[in-house]
Amino acid sequence: MKDMLPRPDNADDLRGLRNQFKLIWRLLRDERVNPLLKVLPFFSVLYLLFPDILPGPFDDAAVIGLGLYTFVEMCPDDVVAEHRQELAAEARRRNAVDADK
């Protein structure tokens, strides 16, 4: 399942969340992802400009979270897996460099 929650292999939840946003950014730039599907994250963020249904940030966070989750879920599995592997490899390289310091 291509969930939006940080992966268990990410010790730091903020790092996991940052990786999810990197994944979304990569998927938005990937030409193998349907252009109509790429509109979904923008519409979920655009929701912030419209009047709120509920007071406070909860409905905004729910709409944005659901929109981003649905975007990743609807992207082709092989494309998502490829980008996740590249992000994991980048993280391993960063950790190796940090460990050498």
PDB file of N, CA and C in Angstrom:
ATOM      1  N   MET A   1       0.846  -1.181   0.000  1.00  0.00           N
ATOM      2  CA  MET A   1       0.000   0.000   0.000  1.00  0.00           C
ATOM      3  C   MET A   1       0.886   1.236   0.000  1.00  0.00           C
ATOM      4  N   LYS A   2       0.591   2.201  -0.834  1.00  0.00           N
ATOM      5  CA  LYS A   2       1.393   3.416  -0.986  1.00  0.00           C
ATOM      6  C   LYS A   2       0.832   4.494  -0.066  1.00  0.00           C
ATOM      7  N   ASP A   3       0.934   4.280   1.229  1.00  0.00           N
ATOM      8  CA  ASP A   3       0.305   5.203   2.162  1.00  0.00           C
ATOM      9  C   ASP A   3       1.105   6.486   2.346  1.00  0.00           C
ATOM     10  N   MET A   4       0.469   7.480   2.906  1.00  0.00           N
ATOM     11  CA  MET A   4       1.091   8.778   3.134  1.00  0.00           C
ATOM     12  C   MET A   4       1.797   8.844   4.478  1.00  0.00           C
ATOM     13  N   LEU A   5       1.641   7.829   5.308  1.00  0.00           N
ATOM     14  CA  LEU A   5       2.296   7.862   6.608  1.00  0.00           C
ATOM     15  C   LEU A   5       3.773   7.555   6.448  1.00  0.00           C
ATOM     16  N   PRO A   6       4.600   8.118   7.328  1.00  0.00           N
ATOM     17  CA  PRO A   6       6.023   7.813   7.245  1.00  0.00           C
ATOM     18  C   PRO A   6       6.279   6.316   7.373  1.00  0.00           C
ATOM     19  N   ARG A   7       7.260   5.833   6.648  1.00  0.00           N
ATOM     20  CA  ARG A   7       7.613   4.419   6.661  1.00  0.00           C
ATOM     21  C   ARG A   7       8.276   4.061   7.984  1.00  0.00           C
ATOM     22  N   PRO A   8       8.121   2.795   8.447  1.00  0.00           N
ATOM     23  CA  PRO A   8       8.757   2.382   9.696  1.00  0.00           C
ATOM     24  C   PRO A   8      10.284   2.470   9.645  1.00  0.00           C
ATOM     25  N   ASP A   9      10.877   2.395   8.447  1.00  0.00           N
ATOM     26  CA  ASP A   9      12.329   2.463   8.346  1.00  0.00           C
ATOM     27  C   ASP A   9      12.851   3.882   8.538  1.00  0.00           C
ATOM     28  N   ASN A  10      11.963   4.859   8.641  1.00  0.00           N
ATOM     29  CA  ASN A  10      12.373   6.237   8.920  1.00  0.00           C
ATOM     30  C   ASN A  10      12.289   6.469  10.418  1.00  0.00           C
ATOM     31  N   ALA A  11      13.436   6.645  11.045  1.00  0.00           N
ATOM     32  CA  ALA A  11      13.463   6.819  12.490  1.00  0.00           C
ATOM     33  C   ALA A  11      12.792   8.130  12.896  1.00  0.00           C
ATOM     34  N   ASP A  12      12.928   9.134  12.090  1.00  0.00           N
ATOM     35  CA  ASP A  12      12.403  10.450  12.407  1.00  0.00           C
ATOM     36  C   ASP A  12      11.131  10.687  11.597  1.00  0.00           C
ATOM     37  N   ASP A  13      10.015  10.930  12.286  1.00  0.00           N
ATOM     38  CA  ASP A  13       8.744  11.142  11.589  1.00  0.00           C
ATOM     39  C   ASP A  13       8.778  12.355  10.671  1.00  0.00           C
ATOM     40  N   LEU A  14       9.478  13.409  11.084  1.00  0.00           N
ATOM     41  CA  LEU A  14       9.561  14.593  10.232  1.00  0.00           C
ATOM     42  C   LEU A  14      10.327  14.291   8.952  1.00  0.00           C
ATOM     43  N   ARG A  15      11.351  13.479   9.068  1.00  0.00           N
ATOM     44  CA  ARG A  15      12.102  13.079   7.878  1.00  0.00           C
ATOM     45  C   ARG A  15      11.207  12.236   6.959  1.00  0.00           C
ATOM     46  N   GLY A  16      10.408  11.367   7.552  1.00  0.00           N
ATOM     47  CA  GLY A  16       9.478  10.561   6.762  1.00  0.00           C
ATOM     48  C   GLY A  16       8.441  11.417   6.056  1.00  0.00           C
ATOM     49  N   LEU A  17       7.947  12.430   6.750  1.00  0.00           N
ATOM     50  CA  LEU A  17       6.976  13.329   6.143  1.00  0.00           C
ATOM     51  C   LEU A  17       7.636  14.142   5.022  1.00  0.00           C
ATOM     52  N   ARG A  18       8.867  14.581   5.255  1.00  0.00           N
ATOM     53  CA  ARG A  18       9.605  15.317   4.222  1.00  0.00           C
ATOM     54  C   ARG A  18       9.804  14.431   2.984  1.00  0.00           C
ATOM     55  N   ASN A  19      10.095  13.154   3.202  1.00  0.00           N
ATOM     56  CA  ASN A  19      10.256  12.224   2.078  1.00  0.00           C
ATOM     57  C   ASN A  19       8.954  12.043   1.315  1.00  0.00           C
ATOM     58  N   GLN A  20       7.825  12.067   2.017  1.00  0.00           N
ATOM     59  CA  GLN A  20       6.537  11.945   1.331  1.00  0.00           C
ATOM     60  C   GLN A  20       6.307  13.143   0.411  1.00  0.00           C
ATOM     61  N   PHE A  21       6.669  14.335   0.878  1.00  0.00           N
ATOM     62  CA  PHE A  21       6.520  15.520   0.039  1.00  0.00           C
ATOM     63  C   PHE A  21       7.491  15.475  -1.136  1.00  0.00           C
ATOM     64  N   LYS A  22       8.687  14.949  -0.918  1.00  0.00           N
ATOM     65  CA  LYS A  22       9.632  14.774  -2.021  1.00  0.00           C
ATOM     66  C   LYS A  22       9.070  13.787  -3.041  1.00  0.00           C
ATOM     67  N   LEU A  23       8.450  12.720  -2.545  1.00  0.00           N
ATOM     68  CA  LEU A  23       7.839  11.733  -3.434  1.00  0.00           C
ATOM     69  C   LEU A  23       6.745  12.382  -4.279  1.00  0.00           C
ATOM     70  N   ILE A  24       5.894  13.170  -3.643  1.00  0.00           N
ATOM     71  CA  ILE A  24       4.820  13.843  -4.373  1.00  0.00           C
ATOM     72  C   ILE A  24       5.407  14.779  -5.423  1.00  0.00           C
ATOM     73  N   TRP A  25       6.442  15.535  -5.069  1.00  0.00           N
ATOM     74  CA  TRP A  25       7.074  16.448  -6.012  1.00  0.00           C
ATOM     75  C   TRP A  25       7.643  15.680  -7.209  1.00  0.00           C
ATOM     76  N   ARG A  26       8.301  14.545  -6.942  1.00  0.00           N
ATOM     77  CA  ARG A  26       8.857  13.738  -8.032  1.00  0.00           C
ATOM     78  C   ARG A  26       7.748  13.197  -8.928  1.00  0.00           C
ATOM     79  N   LEU A  27       6.653  12.743  -8.320  1.00  0.00           N
ATOM     80  CA  LEU A  27       5.542  12.203  -9.107  1.00  0.00           C
ATOM     81  C   LEU A  27       4.893  13.293  -9.962  1.00  0.00           C
ATOM     82  N   LEU A  28       4.821  14.501  -9.426  1.00  0.00           N
ATOM     83  CA  LEU A  28       4.266  15.610 -10.205  1.00  0.00           C
ATOM     84  C   LEU A  28       5.127  15.914 -11.422  1.00  0.00           C
ATOM     85  N   ARG A  29       6.433  15.728 -11.312  1.00  0.00           N
ATOM     86  CA  ARG A  29       7.347  16.018 -12.418  1.00  0.00           C
ATOM     87  C   ARG A  29       7.528  14.834 -13.366  1.00  0.00           C
ATOM     88  N   ASP A  30       7.080  13.655 -12.979  1.00  0.00           N
ATOM     89  CA  ASP A  30       7.268  12.451 -13.792  1.00  0.00           C
ATOM     90  C   ASP A  30       6.245  12.414 -14.923  1.00  0.00           C
ATOM     91  N   GLU A  31       6.726  12.296 -16.146  1.00  0.00           N
ATOM     92  CA  GLU A  31       5.814  12.322 -17.299  1.00  0.00           C
ATOM     93  C   GLU A  31       5.031  11.023 -17.464  1.00  0.00           C
ATOM     94  N   ARG A  32       5.363   9.993 -16.705  1.00  0.00           N
ATOM     95  CA  ARG A  32       4.600   8.743 -16.774  1.00  0.00           C
ATOM     96  C   ARG A  32       3.307   8.819 -15.982  1.00  0.00           C
ATOM     97  N   VAL A  33       3.163   9.851 -15.151  1.00  0.00           N
ATOM     98  CA  VAL A  33       1.943  10.047 -14.365  1.00  0.00           C
ATOM     99  C   VAL A  33       0.966  10.869 -15.199  1.00  0.00           C
ATOM    100  N   ASN A  34      -0.270  10.425 -15.223  1.00  0.00           N
ATOM    101  CA  ASN A  34      -1.324  11.082 -15.999  1.00  0.00           C
ATOM    102  C   ASN A  34      -1.435  12.562 -15.617  1.00  0.00           C
ATOM    103  N   PRO A  35      -1.397  13.467 -16.607  1.00  0.00           N
ATOM    104  CA  PRO A  35      -1.491  14.910 -16.306  1.00  0.00           C
ATOM    105  C   PRO A  35      -2.764  15.304 -15.558  1.00  0.00           C
ATOM    106  N   LEU A  36      -3.873  14.637 -15.839  1.00  0.00           N
ATOM    107  CA  LEU A  36      -5.108  14.949 -15.119  1.00  0.00           C
ATOM    108  C   LEU A  36      -4.998  14.593 -13.642  1.00  0.00           C
ATOM    109  N   LEU A  37      -4.259  13.545 -13.345  1.00  0.00           N
ATOM    110  CA  LEU A  37      -4.058  13.135 -11.959  1.00  0.00           C
ATOM    111  C   LEU A  37      -3.212  14.163 -11.208  1.00  0.00           C
ATOM    112  N   LYS A  38      -2.322  14.823 -11.901  1.00  0.00           N
ATOM    113  CA  LYS A  38      -1.442  15.819 -11.277  1.00  0.00           C
ATOM    114  C   LYS A  38      -2.207  17.045 -10.788  1.00  0.00           C
ATOM    115  N   VAL A  39      -3.428  17.213 -11.229  1.00  0.00           N
ATOM    116  CA  VAL A  39      -4.249  18.345 -10.805  1.00  0.00           C
ATOM    117  C   VAL A  39      -4.747  18.147  -9.373  1.00  0.00           C
ATOM    118  N   LEU A  40      -4.871  16.905  -8.941  1.00  0.00           N
ATOM    119  CA  LEU A  40      -5.443  16.595  -7.628  1.00  0.00           C
ATOM    120  C   LEU A  40      -4.702  17.273  -6.472  1.00  0.00           C
ATOM    121  N   PRO A  41      -3.378  17.201  -6.379  1.00  0.00           N
ATOM    122  CA  PRO A  41      -2.711  17.900  -5.266  1.00  0.00           C
ATOM    123  C   PRO A  41      -2.936  19.414  -5.302  1.00  0.00           C
ATOM    124  N   PHE A  42      -2.974  19.996  -6.486  1.00  0.00           N
ATOM    125  CA  PHE A  42      -3.186  21.438  -6.580  1.00  0.00           C
ATOM    126  C   PHE A  42      -4.594  21.834  -6.140  1.00  0.00           C
ATOM    127  N   PHE A  43      -5.590  21.032  -6.504  1.00  0.00           N
ATOM    128  CA  PHE A  43      -6.953  21.333  -6.070  1.00  0.00           C
ATOM    129  C   PHE A  43      -7.096  21.177  -4.562  1.00  0.00           C
ATOM    130  N   SER A  44      -6.413  20.205  -3.982  1.00  0.00           N
ATOM    131  CA  SER A  44      -6.519  20.034  -2.530  1.00  0.00           C
ATOM    132  C   SER A  44      -5.886  21.219  -1.794  1.00  0.00           C
ATOM    133  N   VAL A  45      -4.788  21.771  -2.318  1.00  0.00           N
ATOM    134  CA  VAL A  45      -4.172  22.953  -1.707  1.00  0.00           C
ATOM    135  C   VAL A  45      -5.006  24.205  -2.014  1.00  0.00           C
ATOM    136  N   LEU A  46      -5.593  24.254  -3.188  1.00  0.00           N
ATOM    137  CA  LEU A  46      -6.451  25.374  -3.574  1.00  0.00           C
ATOM    138  C   LEU A  46      -7.643  25.513  -2.628  1.00  0.00           C
ATOM    139  N   TYR A  47      -8.046  24.412  -2.026  1.00  0.00           N
ATOM    140  CA  TYR A  47      -9.158  24.417  -1.071  1.00  0.00           C
ATOM    141  C   TYR A  47      -8.924  25.427   0.056  1.00  0.00           C
ATOM    142  N   LEU A  48      -7.668  25.706   0.366  1.00  0.00           N
ATOM    143  CA  LEU A  48      -7.359  26.659   1.434  1.00  0.00           C
ATOM    144  C   LEU A  48      -7.903  28.055   1.149  1.00  0.00           C
ATOM    145  N   LEU A  49      -8.105  28.381  -0.117  1.00  0.00           N
ATOM    146  CA  LEU A  49      -8.569  29.712  -0.490  1.00  0.00           C
ATOM    147  C   LEU A  49     -10.077  29.890  -0.364  1.00  0.00           C
ATOM    148  N   PHE A  50     -10.794  28.789  -0.196  1.00  0.00           N
ATOM    149  CA  PHE A  50     -12.245  28.854  -0.119  1.00  0.00           C
ATOM    150  C   PHE A  50     -12.702  28.899   1.336  1.00  0.00           C
ATOM    151  N   PRO A  51     -13.932  29.377   1.554  1.00  0.00           N
ATOM    152  CA  PRO A  51     -14.441  29.439   2.937  1.00  0.00           C
ATOM    153  C   PRO A  51     -14.440  28.060   3.595  1.00  0.00           C
ATOM    154  N   ASP A  52     -14.162  28.087   4.865  1.00  0.00           N
ATOM    155  CA  ASP A  52     -14.077  26.833   5.625  1.00  0.00           C
ATOM    156  C   ASP A  52     -15.448  26.235   5.894  1.00  0.00           C
ATOM    157  N   ILE A  53     -15.462  24.916   5.925  1.00  0.00           N
ATOM    158  CA  ILE A  53     -16.670  24.187   6.308  1.00  0.00           C
ATOM    159  C   ILE A  53     -16.748  24.143   7.830  1.00  0.00           C
ATOM    160  N   LEU A  54     -15.606  23.838   8.459  1.00  0.00           N
ATOM    161  CA  LEU A  54     -15.514  23.782   9.915  1.00  0.00           C
ATOM    162  C   LEU A  54     -14.517  24.834  10.382  1.00  0.00           C
ATOM    163  N   PRO A  55     -14.725  25.387  11.558  1.00  0.00           N
ATOM    164  CA  PRO A  55     -13.745  26.353  12.055  1.00  0.00           C
ATOM    165  C   PRO A  55     -12.430  25.651  12.405  1.00  0.00           C
ATOM    166  N   GLY A  56     -11.356  26.377  12.233  1.00  0.00           N
ATOM    167  CA  GLY A  56     -10.049  25.824  12.563  1.00  0.00           C
ATOM    168  C   GLY A  56      -9.403  25.136  11.374  1.00  0.00           C
ATOM    169  N   PRO A  57      -8.213  24.608  11.592  1.00  0.00           N
ATOM    170  CA  PRO A  57      -7.438  24.040  10.488  1.00  0.00           C
ATOM    171  C   PRO A  57      -7.755  22.574  10.179  1.00  0.00           C
ATOM    172  N   PHE A  58      -8.666  21.949  10.939  1.00  0.00           N
ATOM    173  CA  PHE A  58      -8.860  20.508  10.813  1.00  0.00           C
ATOM    174  C   PHE A  58      -9.425  20.088   9.464  1.00  0.00           C
ATOM    175  N   ASP A  59     -10.410  20.819   8.955  1.00  0.00           N
ATOM    176  CA  ASP A  59     -10.967  20.437   7.662  1.00  0.00           C
ATOM    177  C   ASP A  59      -9.952  20.690   6.543  1.00  0.00           C
ATOM    178  N   ASP A  60      -9.165  21.765   6.667  1.00  0.00           N
ATOM    179  CA  ASP A  60      -8.126  22.043   5.674  1.00  0.00           C
ATOM    180  C   ASP A  60      -7.097  20.915   5.636  1.00  0.00           C
ATOM    181  N   ALA A  61      -6.633  20.520   6.807  1.00  0.00           N
ATOM    182  CA  ALA A  61      -5.634  19.446   6.886  1.00  0.00           C
ATOM    183  C   ALA A  61      -6.203  18.141   6.339  1.00  0.00           C
ATOM    184  N   ALA A  62      -7.471  17.876   6.630  1.00  0.00           N
ATOM    185  CA  ALA A  62      -8.094  16.637   6.149  1.00  0.00           C
ATOM    186  C   ALA A  62      -8.200  16.628   4.625  1.00  0.00           C
ATOM    187  N   VAL A  63      -8.627  17.739   4.039  1.00  0.00           N
ATOM    188  CA  VAL A  63      -8.776  17.803   2.581  1.00  0.00           C
ATOM    189  C   VAL A  63      -7.419  17.694   1.894  1.00  0.00           C
ATOM    190  N   ILE A  64      -6.430  18.419   2.395  1.00  0.00           N
ATOM    191  CA  ILE A  64      -5.096  18.363   1.793  1.00  0.00           C
ATOM    192  C   ILE A  64      -4.501  16.963   1.959  1.00  0.00           C
ATOM    193  N   GLY A  65      -4.598  16.405   3.153  1.00  0.00           N
ATOM    194  CA  GLY A  65      -4.076  15.061   3.389  1.00  0.00           C
ATOM    195  C   GLY A  65      -4.743  14.018   2.511  1.00  0.00           C
ATOM    196  N   LEU A  66      -6.052  14.091   2.398  1.00  0.00           N
ATOM    197  CA  LEU A  66      -6.788  13.142   1.558  1.00  0.00           C
ATOM    198  C   LEU A  66      -6.433  13.310   0.089  1.00  0.00           C
ATOM    199  N   GLY A  67      -6.294  14.563  -0.351  1.00  0.00           N
ATOM    200  CA  GLY A  67      -5.925  14.812  -1.750  1.00  0.00           C
ATOM    201  C   GLY A  67      -4.547  14.270  -2.086  1.00  0.00           C
ATOM    202  N   LEU A  68      -3.578  14.500  -1.205  1.00  0.00           N
ATOM    203  CA  LEU A  68      -2.219  14.013  -1.450  1.00  0.00           C
ATOM    204  C   LEU A  68      -2.148  12.491  -1.363  1.00  0.00           C
ATOM    205  N   TYR A  69      -2.861  11.927  -0.383  1.00  0.00           N
ATOM    206  CA  TYR A  69      -2.915  10.469  -0.243  1.00  0.00           C
ATOM    207  C   TYR A  69      -3.509   9.836  -1.504  1.00  0.00           C
ATOM    208  N   THR A  70      -4.613  10.380  -1.978  1.00  0.00           N
ATOM    209  CA  THR A  70      -5.281   9.843  -3.164  1.00  0.00           C
ATOM    210  C   THR A  70      -4.381   9.967  -4.390  1.00  0.00           C
ATOM    211  N   PHE A  71      -3.656  11.074  -4.503  1.00  0.00           N
ATOM    212  CA  PHE A  71      -2.730  11.256  -5.622  1.00  0.00           C
ATOM    213  C   PHE A  71      -1.690  10.135  -5.656  1.00  0.00           C
ATOM    214  N   VAL A  72      -1.049   9.870  -4.526  1.00  0.00           N
ATOM    215  CA  VAL A  72      -0.022   8.821  -4.480  1.00  0.00           C
ATOM    216  C   VAL A  72      -0.647   7.457  -4.760  1.00  0.00           C
ATOM    217  N   GLU A  73      -1.820   7.197  -4.196  1.00  0.00           N
ATOM    218  CA  GLU A  73      -2.491   5.917  -4.398  1.00  0.00           C
ATOM    219  C   GLU A  73      -2.862   5.681  -5.859  1.00  0.00           C
ATOM    220  N   MET A  74      -3.197   6.733  -6.589  1.00  0.00           N
ATOM    221  CA  MET A  74      -3.645   6.577  -7.970  1.00  0.00           C
ATOM    222  C   MET A  74      -2.502   6.568  -8.975  1.00  0.00           C
ATOM    223  N   CYS A  75      -1.305   6.959  -8.543  1.00  0.00           N
ATOM    224  CA  CYS A  75      -0.143   6.910  -9.435  1.00  0.00           C
ATOM    225  C   CYS A  75       0.231   5.453  -9.696  1.00  0.00           C
ATOM    226  N   PRO A  76       0.846   5.164 -10.839  1.00  0.00           N
ATOM    227  CA  PRO A  76       1.235   3.781 -11.136  1.00  0.00           C
ATOM    228  C   PRO A  76       2.178   3.221 -10.063  1.00  0.00           C
ATOM    229  N   ASP A  77       1.895   1.985  -9.645  1.00  0.00           N
ATOM    230  CA  ASP A  77       2.673   1.355  -8.574  1.00  0.00           C
ATOM    231  C   ASP A  77       4.167   1.321  -8.875  1.00  0.00           C
ATOM    232  N   ASP A  78       4.520   0.984 -10.107  1.00  0.00           N
ATOM    233  CA  ASP A  78       5.942   0.865 -10.440  1.00  0.00           C
ATOM    234  C   ASP A  78       6.652   2.213 -10.397  1.00  0.00           C
ATOM    235  N   VAL A  79       5.960   3.275 -10.751  1.00  0.00           N
ATOM    236  CA  VAL A  79       6.554   4.616 -10.718  1.00  0.00           C
ATOM    237  C   VAL A  79       6.765   5.043  -9.269  1.00  0.00           C
ATOM    238  N   VAL A  80       5.773   4.804  -8.424  1.00  0.00           N
ATOM    239  CA  VAL A  80       5.894   5.153  -7.008  1.00  0.00           C
ATOM    240  C   VAL A  80       7.034   4.353  -6.374  1.00  0.00           C
ATOM    241  N   ALA A  81       7.097   3.059  -6.653  1.00  0.00           N
ATOM    242  CA  ALA A  81       8.157   2.222  -6.091  1.00  0.00           C
ATOM    243  C   ALA A  81       9.538   2.702  -6.543  1.00  0.00           C
ATOM    244  N   GLU A  82       9.658   3.075  -7.789  1.00  0.00           N
ATOM    245  CA  GLU A  82      10.937   3.564  -8.310  1.00  0.00           C
ATOM    246  C   GLU A  82      11.391   4.827  -7.572  1.00  0.00           C
ATOM    247  N   HIS A  83      10.467   5.765  -7.397  1.00  0.00           N
ATOM    248  CA  HIS A  83      10.817   7.012  -6.707  1.00  0.00           C
ATOM    249  C   HIS A  83      11.105   6.767  -5.231  1.00  0.00           C
ATOM    250  N   ARG A  84      10.367   5.864  -4.600  1.00  0.00           N
ATOM    251  CA  ARG A  84      10.650   5.527  -3.190  1.00  0.00           C
ATOM    252  C   ARG A  84      12.047   4.937  -3.058  1.00  0.00           C
ATOM    253  N   GLN A  85      12.440   4.062  -3.978  1.00  0.00           N
ATOM    254  CA  GLN A  85      13.776   3.472  -3.927  1.00  0.00           C
ATOM    255  C   GLN A  85      14.853   4.532  -4.105  1.00  0.00           C
ATOM    256  N   GLU A  86      14.640   5.473  -5.023  1.00  0.00           N
ATOM    257  CA  GLU A  86      15.613   6.542  -5.238  1.00  0.00           C
ATOM    258  C   GLU A  86      15.725   7.431  -4.003  1.00  0.00           C
ATOM    259  N   LEU A  87      14.604   7.747  -3.379  1.00  0.00           N
ATOM    260  CA  LEU A  87      14.628   8.557  -2.163  1.00  0.00           C
ATOM    261  C   LEU A  87      15.338   7.822  -1.027  1.00  0.00           C
ATOM    262  N   ALA A  88      15.099   6.507  -0.909  1.00  0.00           N
ATOM    263  CA  ALA A  88      15.766   5.716   0.130  1.00  0.00           C
ATOM    264  C   ALA A  88      17.273   5.666  -0.117  1.00  0.00           C
ATOM    265  N   ALA A  89      17.683   5.532  -1.376  1.00  0.00           N
ATOM    266  CA  ALA A  89      19.113   5.513  -1.704  1.00  0.00           C
ATOM    267  C   ALA A  89      19.755   6.859  -1.378  1.00  0.00           C
ATOM    268  N   GLU A  90      19.065   7.955  -1.677  1.00  0.00           N
ATOM    269  CA  GLU A  90      19.582   9.283  -1.333  1.00  0.00           C
ATOM    270  C   GLU A  90      19.732   9.435   0.176  1.00  0.00           C
ATOM    271  N   ALA A  91      18.754   8.938   0.925  1.00  0.00           N
ATOM    272  CA  ALA A  91      18.815   9.019   2.389  1.00  0.00           C
ATOM    273  C   ALA A  91      19.981   8.194   2.926  1.00  0.00           C
ATOM    274  N   ARG A  92      20.212   7.007   2.360  1.00  0.00           N
ATOM    275  CA  ARG A  92      21.348   6.181   2.804  1.00  0.00           C
ATOM    276  C   ARG A  92      22.667   6.893   2.525  1.00  0.00           C
ATOM    277  N   ARG A  93      22.779   7.529   1.350  1.00  0.00           N
ATOM    278  CA  ARG A  93      24.008   8.267   1.027  1.00  0.00           C
ATOM    279  C   ARG A  93      24.216   9.429   1.989  1.00  0.00           C
ATOM    280  N   ARG A  94      23.148  10.165   2.294  1.00  0.00           N
ATOM    281  CA  ARG A  94      23.250  11.275   3.241  1.00  0.00           C
ATOM    282  C   ARG A  94      23.670  10.784   4.618  1.00  0.00           C
ATOM    283  N   ASN A  95      23.085   9.667   5.057  1.00  0.00           N
ATOM    284  CA  ASN A  95      23.413   9.120   6.367  1.00  0.00           C
ATOM    285  C   ASN A  95      24.862   8.648   6.412  1.00  0.00           C
ATOM    286  N   ALA A  96      25.356   8.078   5.313  1.00  0.00           N
ATOM    287  CA  ALA A  96      26.747   7.623   5.259  1.00  0.00           C
ATOM    288  C   ALA A  96      27.693   8.817   5.340  1.00  0.00           C
ATOM    289  N   VAL A  97      27.356   9.906   4.652  1.00  0.00           N
ATOM    290  CA  VAL A  97      28.184  11.118   4.698  1.00  0.00           C
ATOM    291  C   VAL A  97      28.160  11.710   6.098  1.00  0.00           C
ATOM    292  N   ASP A  98      26.971  11.746   6.723  1.00  0.00           N
ATOM    293  CA  ASP A  98      26.856  12.281   8.075  1.00  0.00           C
ATOM    294  C   ASP A  98      27.628  11.426   9.079  1.00  0.00           C
ATOM    295  N   ALA A  99      27.636  10.123   8.884  1.00  0.00           N
ATOM    296  CA  ALA A  99      28.354   9.225   9.782  1.00  0.00           C
ATOM    297  C   ALA A  99      29.867   9.391   9.658  1.00  0.00           C
ATOM    298  N   ASP A 100      30.323   9.774   8.488  1.00  0.00           N
ATOM    299  CA  ASP A 100      31.761   9.970   8.272  1.00  0.00           C
ATOM    300  C   ASP A 100      32.271  11.257   8.901  1.00  0.00           C
ATOM    301  N   LYS A 101      31.400  12.170   9.230  1.00  0.00           N
ATOM    302  CA  LYS A 101      31.811  13.469   9.785  1.00  0.00           C
ATOM    303  C   LYS A 101      32.210  13.353  11.219  1.00  0.00           C
TER     304      LYS A 101
END
